[in-house]
Every structure is written in C-alpha cells, then in structure tokens.
Amino acid sequence: MAIIVNLDVMMAKRKMSLNELSETVDITLANLSKLKTGKVKAIRFSTLEAVCEALDCQPGDLLEYTKE
C-alpha cells in the first residue's frame, strides 16, 4: 500500500504505550494494533482526530504517502 502509518514513530516520540493510547482514545487494543502495523484499509476522521489530540500531532505526522 502507498500509505505508510507512522503511529509507532509518534508514540515513541511521545513516550506513550499502546495501552495508554488505547485508553486515552477509547479504541480497542486490537484495532489500534492494526492501525499501528498499517493493516487497516480505512480510518475514521473522528479516530484520526482523537489520535492526533492524544499525541499532540498533525495527521501528516501519522500518515505518509509513497509511490509504489
């Protein structure tokens, strides 16, 4: 896929664990893990907004486009 999810990078920069982010954003660990590994085909804007708020970042910090 041409969209790269950099959630793990932002979590490391903010020193936040998957469990902490899951509780803060109110997303299951399973869904957050899928997002972190890039194994999702879609993300709701409300989820993206909540993750950005929790990590104090912009959507562009989490998502990256590369040509295949």
N, C-alpha and C. Protein backbone atom coordinates (compact mmCIF):
# COMPACT_ATOMS: atom_id res chain seq x y z
N MET A 1 0.84 -1.18 0.00
CA MET A 1 0.00 0.00 0.00
C MET A 1 0.88 1.24 0.00
N ALA A 2 0.43 2.28 -0.65
CA ALA A 2 1.21 3.50 -0.79
C ALA A 2 1.11 4.42 0.42
N ILE A 3 0.21 4.13 1.34
CA ILE A 3 0.07 4.94 2.56
C ILE A 3 0.80 4.23 3.70
N ILE A 4 1.74 4.94 4.29
CA ILE A 4 2.52 4.40 5.42
C ILE A 4 1.99 5.04 6.70
N VAL A 5 1.72 4.22 7.71
CA VAL A 5 1.24 4.71 9.00
C VAL A 5 2.44 4.77 9.96
N ASN A 6 2.73 5.97 10.44
CA ASN A 6 3.86 6.19 11.34
C ASN A 6 3.43 6.35 12.79
N LEU A 7 2.40 5.62 13.17
CA LEU A 7 1.88 5.71 14.53
C LEU A 7 2.93 5.29 15.55
N ASP A 8 3.67 4.25 15.26
CA ASP A 8 4.70 3.78 16.19
C ASP A 8 5.78 4.83 16.42
N VAL A 9 6.12 5.57 15.38
CA VAL A 9 7.14 6.62 15.49
C VAL A 9 6.64 7.74 16.42
N MET A 10 5.40 8.17 16.21
CA MET A 10 4.85 9.24 17.05
C MET A 10 4.67 8.78 18.49
N MET A 11 4.27 7.54 18.68
CA MET A 11 4.13 7.02 20.04
C MET A 11 5.48 7.00 20.74
N ALA A 12 6.52 6.62 20.03
CA ALA A 12 7.87 6.60 20.62
C ALA A 12 8.32 8.02 20.96
N LYS A 13 8.07 8.97 20.07
CA LYS A 13 8.45 10.36 20.34
C LYS A 13 7.74 10.91 21.56
N ARG A 14 6.50 10.50 21.75
CA ARG A 14 5.70 10.99 22.88
C ARG A 14 5.83 10.09 24.11
N LYS A 15 6.61 9.01 23.96
CA LYS A 15 6.81 8.05 25.05
C LYS A 15 5.47 7.54 25.60
N MET A 16 4.61 7.14 24.67
CA MET A 16 3.29 6.64 25.03
C MET A 16 3.15 5.19 24.57
N SER A 17 2.66 4.35 25.45
CA SER A 17 2.48 2.94 25.11
C SER A 17 1.17 2.73 24.37
N LEU A 18 1.05 1.57 23.75
CA LEU A 18 -0.18 1.21 23.05
C LEU A 18 -1.35 1.18 24.02
N ASN A 19 -1.12 0.67 25.23
CA ASN A 19 -2.18 0.63 26.25
C ASN A 19 -2.64 2.03 26.64
N GLU A 20 -1.68 2.93 26.86
CA GLU A 20 -2.03 4.30 27.23
C GLU A 20 -2.85 4.98 26.13
N LEU A 21 -2.39 4.83 24.89
CA LEU A 21 -3.09 5.45 23.78
C LEU A 21 -4.48 4.85 23.61
N SER A 22 -4.59 3.55 23.78
CA SER A 22 -5.87 2.87 23.68
C SER A 22 -6.87 3.42 24.69
N GLU A 23 -6.42 3.61 25.91
CA GLU A 23 -7.30 4.15 26.96
C GLU A 23 -7.66 5.61 26.69
N THR A 24 -6.69 6.39 26.26
CA THR A 24 -6.91 7.82 26.01
C THR A 24 -7.88 8.05 24.87
N VAL A 25 -7.71 7.27 23.80
CA VAL A 25 -8.51 7.46 22.59
C VAL A 25 -9.79 6.63 22.62
N ASP A 26 -9.87 5.69 23.54
CA ASP A 26 -11.02 4.78 23.67
C ASP A 26 -11.20 3.93 22.42
N ILE A 27 -10.10 3.28 22.02
CA ILE A 27 -10.08 2.33 20.90
C ILE A 27 -9.55 1.01 21.46
N THR A 28 -10.07 -0.10 20.96
CA THR A 28 -9.58 -1.39 21.44
C THR A 28 -8.11 -1.56 21.06
N LEU A 29 -7.41 -2.33 21.86
CA LEU A 29 -6.01 -2.62 21.56
C LEU A 29 -5.86 -3.29 20.21
N ALA A 30 -6.79 -4.18 19.88
CA ALA A 30 -6.71 -4.89 18.60
C ALA A 30 -6.79 -3.92 17.43
N ASN A 31 -7.74 -3.00 17.46
CA ASN A 31 -7.88 -2.03 16.37
C ASN A 31 -6.70 -1.06 16.31
N LEU A 32 -6.22 -0.64 17.46
CA LEU A 32 -5.07 0.25 17.50
C LEU A 32 -3.82 -0.45 16.98
N SER A 33 -3.68 -1.72 17.32
CA SER A 33 -2.55 -2.50 16.84
C SER A 33 -2.59 -2.64 15.32
N LYS A 34 -3.77 -2.87 14.77
CA LYS A 34 -3.91 -2.96 13.31
C LYS A 34 -3.54 -1.64 12.65
N LEU A 35 -3.96 -0.55 13.27
CA LEU A 35 -3.62 0.77 12.74
C LEU A 35 -2.11 0.98 12.80
N LYS A 36 -1.52 0.61 13.91
CA LYS A 36 -0.07 0.79 14.10
C LYS A 36 0.74 0.01 13.06
N THR A 37 0.29 -1.18 12.72
CA THR A 37 1.02 -2.00 11.76
C THR A 37 0.62 -1.72 10.32
N GLY A 38 -0.33 -0.81 10.12
CA GLY A 38 -0.74 -0.46 8.77
C GLY A 38 -1.64 -1.48 8.11
N LYS A 39 -2.27 -2.33 8.88
CA LYS A 39 -3.13 -3.39 8.34
C LYS A 39 -4.59 -2.99 8.28
N VAL A 40 -4.84 -1.70 8.15
CA VAL A 40 -6.20 -1.21 8.01
C VAL A 40 -6.38 -0.62 6.62
N LYS A 41 -7.60 -0.63 6.14
CA LYS A 41 -7.88 -0.07 4.82
C LYS A 41 -8.54 1.30 4.93
N ALA A 42 -8.97 1.66 6.13
CA ALA A 42 -9.64 2.94 6.32
C ALA A 42 -9.49 3.37 7.78
N ILE A 43 -9.66 4.67 8.01
CA ILE A 43 -9.68 5.21 9.36
C ILE A 43 -10.70 6.34 9.38
N ARG A 44 -11.52 6.36 10.40
CA ARG A 44 -12.50 7.44 10.53
C ARG A 44 -11.78 8.72 10.93
N PHE A 45 -12.31 9.84 10.43
CA PHE A 45 -11.72 11.13 10.79
C PHE A 45 -11.82 11.36 12.29
N SER A 46 -12.88 10.89 12.92
CA SER A 46 -13.02 11.07 14.36
C SER A 46 -11.92 10.31 15.11
N THR A 47 -11.55 9.13 14.61
CA THR A 47 -10.46 8.36 15.22
C THR A 47 -9.14 9.06 14.99
N LEU A 48 -8.91 9.52 13.77
CA LEU A 48 -7.68 10.24 13.44
C LEU A 48 -7.55 11.49 14.30
N GLU A 49 -8.65 12.20 14.47
CA GLU A 49 -8.65 13.40 15.30
C GLU A 49 -8.29 13.06 16.75
N ALA A 50 -8.88 12.00 17.28
CA ALA A 50 -8.61 11.61 18.67
C ALA A 50 -7.16 11.19 18.86
N VAL A 51 -6.60 10.46 17.90
CA VAL A 51 -5.20 10.04 17.99
C VAL A 51 -4.29 11.26 17.92
N CYS A 52 -4.59 12.18 17.00
CA CYS A 52 -3.78 13.40 16.88
C CYS A 52 -3.84 14.23 18.16
N GLU A 53 -5.01 14.31 18.75
CA GLU A 53 -5.15 15.07 20.01
C GLU A 53 -4.34 14.40 21.12
N ALA A 54 -4.43 13.09 21.22
CA ALA A 54 -3.72 12.36 22.28
C ALA A 54 -2.21 12.46 22.12
N LEU A 55 -1.74 12.47 20.87
CA LEU A 55 -0.29 12.51 20.62
C LEU A 55 0.22 13.91 20.32
N ASP A 56 -0.68 14.89 20.35
CA ASP A 56 -0.33 16.28 20.07
C ASP A 56 0.44 16.38 18.75
N CYS A 57 -0.21 15.91 17.68
CA CYS A 57 0.44 15.92 16.37
C CYS A 57 -0.57 16.23 15.28
N GLN A 58 -0.11 16.31 14.06
CA GLN A 58 -0.94 16.54 12.89
C GLN A 58 -1.15 15.23 12.14
N PRO A 59 -2.23 15.11 11.34
CA PRO A 59 -2.43 13.88 10.56
C PRO A 59 -1.23 13.53 9.68
N GLY A 60 -0.55 14.54 9.16
CA GLY A 60 0.63 14.32 8.33
C GLY A 60 1.79 13.70 9.10
N ASP A 61 1.78 13.83 10.42
CA ASP A 61 2.81 13.17 11.24
C ASP A 61 2.57 11.68 11.33
N LEU A 62 1.32 11.28 11.13
CA LEU A 62 0.95 9.86 11.27
C LEU A 62 0.88 9.14 9.93
N LEU A 63 0.51 9.87 8.88
CA LEU A 63 0.30 9.24 7.57
C LEU A 63 1.28 9.81 6.55
N GLU A 64 1.80 8.92 5.74
CA GLU A 64 2.78 9.30 4.73
C GLU A 64 2.43 8.60 3.42
N TYR A 65 2.53 9.31 2.32
CA TYR A 65 2.27 8.73 1.01
C TYR A 65 3.58 8.48 0.27
N THR A 66 3.72 7.29 -0.27
CA THR A 66 4.89 6.98 -1.10
C THR A 66 4.40 6.29 -2.37
N LYS A 67 5.05 6.57 -3.47
CA LYS A 67 4.70 5.90 -4.72
C LYS A 67 5.22 4.48 -4.67
N GLU A 68 4.41 3.56 -5.16
CA GLU A 68 4.82 2.15 -5.15
C GLU A 68 5.69 1.83 -6.34
